[in-house]
Amino acid sequence: MKNKIKHHRFIKGEITQQELAEKAGVTRQTIIAIEKGAFNPSVRLALKISKILETEVENLFFLEEND
């Protein structure tokens, strides 16, 4: 699964990974892993992140054609 979290953090006012992590209740390492595509968040966490970044979850996460 791919994501556009980094792009939306910038749009939101350059929110840092640490700030996003604190608001979502996870570690910065978790946000890093999600942004790199090394970790797929739970539905609950994906929804939390989308709410924090004020966008639809579909705007943040998407499948590649071969997924």
C-alpha atoms as a PDB file:
ATOM      1  CA  MET A   1       0.000   0.000   0.000  1.00  0.00           C
ATOM      2  CA  LYS A   2       1.254   3.462  -0.887  1.00  0.00           C
ATOM      3  CA  ASN A   3       0.475   6.689   0.928  1.00  0.00           C
ATOM      4  CA  LYS A   4       0.656  10.454   0.631  1.00  0.00           C
ATOM      5  CA  ILE A   5       1.045  11.264   4.318  1.00  0.00           C
ATOM      6  CA  LYS A   6       4.215  13.297   3.851  1.00  0.00           C
ATOM      7  CA  HIS A   7       2.535  15.409   1.156  1.00  0.00           C
ATOM      8  CA  HIS A   8      -0.513  16.021   3.349  1.00  0.00           C
ATOM      9  CA  ARG A   9       1.670  16.888   6.362  1.00  0.00           C
ATOM     10  CA  PHE A  10       3.199  19.626   4.220  1.00  0.00           C
ATOM     11  CA  ILE A  11      -0.203  20.869   3.003  1.00  0.00           C
ATOM     12  CA  LYS A  12      -1.478  20.938   6.590  1.00  0.00           C
ATOM     13  CA  GLY A  13       1.195  23.443   7.548  1.00  0.00           C
ATOM     14  CA  GLU A  14       4.333  21.367   7.653  1.00  0.00           C
ATOM     15  CA  ILE A  15       3.222  19.260  10.605  1.00  0.00           C
ATOM     16  CA  THR A  16       6.198  17.174  11.721  1.00  0.00           C
ATOM     17  CA  GLN A  17       6.290  13.412  12.012  1.00  0.00           C
ATOM     18  CA  GLN A  18       6.606  13.856  15.772  1.00  0.00           C
ATOM     19  CA  GLU A  19       3.540  16.108  15.971  1.00  0.00           C
ATOM     20  CA  LEU A  20       1.495  13.706  13.871  1.00  0.00           C
ATOM     21  CA  ALA A  21       2.655  10.779  15.987  1.00  0.00           C
ATOM     22  CA  GLU A  22       1.725  12.497  19.244  1.00  0.00           C
ATOM     23  CA  LYS A  23      -1.726  13.454  17.970  1.00  0.00           C
ATOM     24  CA  ALA A  24      -2.315   9.925  16.660  1.00  0.00           C
ATOM     25  CA  GLY A  25      -1.035   8.265  19.830  1.00  0.00           C
ATOM     26  CA  VAL A  26       1.835   6.393  18.186  1.00  0.00           C
ATOM     27  CA  THR A  27       5.603   6.761  18.007  1.00  0.00           C
ATOM     28  CA  ARG A  28       7.476   8.790  15.433  1.00  0.00           C
ATOM     29  CA  GLN A  29       9.022   5.514  14.260  1.00  0.00           C
ATOM     30  CA  THR A  30       5.530   4.250  13.414  1.00  0.00           C
ATOM     31  CA  ILE A  31       4.847   7.318  11.251  1.00  0.00           C
ATOM     32  CA  ILE A  32       8.236   6.897   9.558  1.00  0.00           C
ATOM     33  CA  ALA A  33       7.495   3.237   8.810  1.00  0.00           C
ATOM     34  CA  ILE A  34       4.047   4.069   7.412  1.00  0.00           C
ATOM     35  CA  GLU A  35       5.420   6.859   5.205  1.00  0.00           C
ATOM     36  CA  LYS A  36       8.120   4.525   3.860  1.00  0.00           C
ATOM     37  CA  GLY A  37       5.538   1.832   3.118  1.00  0.00           C
ATOM     38  CA  ALA A  38       7.198  -0.590   5.533  1.00  0.00           C
ATOM     39  CA  PHE A  39       4.132  -0.766   7.785  1.00  0.00           C
ATOM     40  CA  ASN A  40       0.431  -0.723   6.963  1.00  0.00           C
ATOM     41  CA  PRO A  41      -1.584   1.013   9.664  1.00  0.00           C
ATOM     42  CA  SER A  42      -4.717  -0.451  11.153  1.00  0.00           C
ATOM     43  CA  VAL A  43      -7.998   0.964   9.890  1.00  0.00           C
ATOM     44  CA  ARG A  44      -8.368   2.810  13.189  1.00  0.00           C
ATOM     45  CA  LEU A  45      -4.938   4.438  12.874  1.00  0.00           C
ATOM     46  CA  ALA A  46      -5.496   5.296   9.198  1.00  0.00           C
ATOM     47  CA  LEU A  47      -8.759   7.010  10.133  1.00  0.00           C
ATOM     48  CA  LYS A  48      -7.059   8.896  12.987  1.00  0.00           C
ATOM     49  CA  ILE A  49      -4.321  10.132  10.665  1.00  0.00           C
ATOM     50  CA  SER A  50      -6.835  11.231   8.041  1.00  0.00           C
ATOM     51  CA  LYS A  51      -8.816  13.141  10.669  1.00  0.00           C
ATOM     52  CA  ILE A  52      -5.669  14.864  11.984  1.00  0.00           C
ATOM     53  CA  LEU A  53      -4.624  15.827   8.453  1.00  0.00           C
ATOM     54  CA  GLU A  54      -8.203  16.870   7.638  1.00  0.00           C
ATOM     55  CA  THR A  55      -8.579  14.752   4.525  1.00  0.00           C
ATOM     56  CA  GLU A  56     -10.356  11.591   3.468  1.00  0.00           C
ATOM     57  CA  VAL A  57      -8.558   8.334   4.148  1.00  0.00           C
ATOM     58  CA  GLU A  58      -8.769   7.597   0.402  1.00  0.00           C
ATOM     59  CA  ASN A  59      -6.624  10.680  -0.224  1.00  0.00           C
ATOM     60  CA  LEU A  60      -3.882   9.296   2.027  1.00  0.00           C
ATOM     61  CA  PHE A  61      -3.750   5.584   1.264  1.00  0.00           C
ATOM     62  CA  PHE A  62      -4.059   3.700  -2.014  1.00  0.00           C
ATOM     63  CA  LEU A  63      -3.196   0.356  -3.527  1.00  0.00           C
ATOM     64  CA  GLU A  64      -0.786  -0.030  -6.393  1.00  0.00           C
ATOM     65  CA  GLU A  65      -2.155  -1.830  -9.418  1.00  0.00           C
ATOM     66  CA  ASN A  66      -0.235  -5.022  -8.574  1.00  0.00           C
ATOM     67  CA  ASP A  67      -1.452  -5.109  -4.935  1.00  0.00           C
END
